[in-house]
Amino acid sequence: MKKYLAEMVGTMVLVLMGCGVAVSLGCNPTENIPAVVGTALAFGLAVVAMAYTIGGISGCHINPAITLACLLAGRMKGKDAILYMVFQCIGAFIGSAILWLLTNNVEGMAGTGANDLQTGVSVMGGLLAEIFFTCVFVLVVLGATAKTNGATNNFAGLAIGLSLVLVHLVCIRYTGTSVNPARSLAPAVFQGGSALSNLWIFIVGPFVGAILSACVWKLVEPKEEK
C-alpha cells in the first residue's frame, strides 16, 4: 500500500508545483518566454525532488504513461500498474484542488494550469506532439532506470527531470506539454471549457507515446535486462 500512497503524494506534488508555477507566472508560450522557462524548470525540478524522495518506495512513476511503459517492458504486474494509475490520478486531483482553492482566493489569478491546444495548433498537430514527446521522455525513463545502466542509476532522477525540462521547452508551444494523462485530467476537470473538451488528446497521445517507447526499448535493451 505504501508504494501506491507514494505515487499519490508524488503526483500531487508534481501537479501542484508544476501547474502552480504555470499559473503564478502566467505562462503563455507566445507572449511570456520567461514564464515558459520557469514552468519547464518547475516540472523538471518536481520530478527530481520526488525521484529522490519516493523513488526507493515506488520507483516514482507519478505518470500513467510511464507506468504503462513499465508494464509493457515487463517491469511490473498488471495489478500494480492499475493501482499505480488510480493513485496517480487521485494525487493529481488533490494537487489540482489545492491549486484551485488558492487561485480562487487570489484576485487576478484563475485556472489550474490545464493543457490545451495552443494558438494555431490543430488537433492532429497537438496529438502528434504528445505522442512524439511522450515517447522520447518515457524512453529516457526506461533507459535511465534499466538494471544494466548501473553507471548512471544514481543519477536517474536528475536525467529524467532534465529530460522533462527539455520536453517542456519544445512541446509547450503546441499543447502546454502534458506527456502525463494524470497531470492533464485533474486540471481540465477543474478548469472546464476547451481544456476539458480536448482532454482526450492528452490521454490518448501520452498512452500511444508510451506504447511506442516500450516497443523501441524492446528493440534496443541489453540482453542482460531481459
Foldseek 3Di string as FASTA:
>chain_A
DVLLLLLLQLLLQLQLQLLVLCQVQVDDPVPDVVSLLVSLLRNLVSLLVSCVVCCVPHVRPLFLLLLLLCVLLVNDDPVVSVSNVVSSLNSLLNNQVVSQVVQVVDPPTHARNAKAFAPPADLVNLLQLLQVLLLVLSLLLCVQCFPVPVVRVVVSSNSSSVSSSVSSVPNCNGINDQLGLSSNVNRCVVHPDRSVVSSVSNVVSNNNSSVNNSVVCVVPPDPVRD
